[in-house]
């Protein structure tokens, strides 16, 4: 396996990153730990979580697993801060007050002395970015955080952060974690070129488009059992439209025509896109996870790439995976 450099750092990460949003919701702890162990055994050293996944239980599971197996030093652990963790007005957002408290809480749940990559889960447009970066810089200087990044922010906001860091001598974002898959390619217009120009790693989430690129949806009405659209509804269900499902099913046909599993091809396509560091994979079971391991050493055939571009042209979208980002005004028709 060829490891990739994370942004402008000297850190090497696997070309796939294990996402843990399913840990404890719905994946039971025993199965989640099996996935973590199997990932490490396969060479995946990049683990992503958040303080809100399963109300913090995802972090707790990761913490308990590493205490038991003693393999903390093998992993690059990324977690996030932003969403509400309580009813109080200061228990959310990217203020200094919330970031410092949330980091201490994540460290306790993860049972570790430091977080390798600490990310703002969403931007806070009502809080000066220099306050956010100042708090994160203090955490870096205290040794509690190694690097910082952002998630699901517009290109201009990430670039603003870079410029503030350079002007004020603050820690610099090394990565951005956006929604990206064949059904929603909008980050190719501005975010990807900006990240490539300024040396930020890109860690895309939802590369399988919630299973629409893996053949899990027969139509846009019946949600598979245990799917996020079925279990969580809301913004997750809103992404599953007849047009998106139809396009996803054409992609499934393309994959099977080339004798590649649809899930493998969906991950391979995004892994091989320009500027991508490591797509997040979020399996529910060990079996789903192991199906994706071979992708780490696969390359994308140019004929398949061109066929994918015909399904959804570069920079366009047929599904809205930015619908958890209030700043995105574009509607997918």
Foldseek 3Di string as FASTA:
>chain_A
DAWDDAFPDNDTFFQAEAEALCDVVPFDLVQSLVQVVVCVVLPGQHYEEECPRVLNVSLLSQLVSCVVPVCVVSHQYEYEFADASDDDPLRGGQALVNVVVSLVVSCVSNVHQAHAEYEYAAHDPVDDLVRNQVSVQVCCVVVRYVAYAYELYDQVVLVVQQVSCVVPVTGHHQAYEYADFLQAQQCLPHVQVSCVVRGHAYAYEPLCLQVLQQPQDPALPDHDPPGCCVPPNDPSSQQRHRQSSVLSVVNCVLCVVVPHRSVQVSLLLVSADPRHNHYHDHDSGSVVSVSNSVSSVDHDDPVSNVVSCVSPNHNGHQGDPSVVHVVDPDDRD
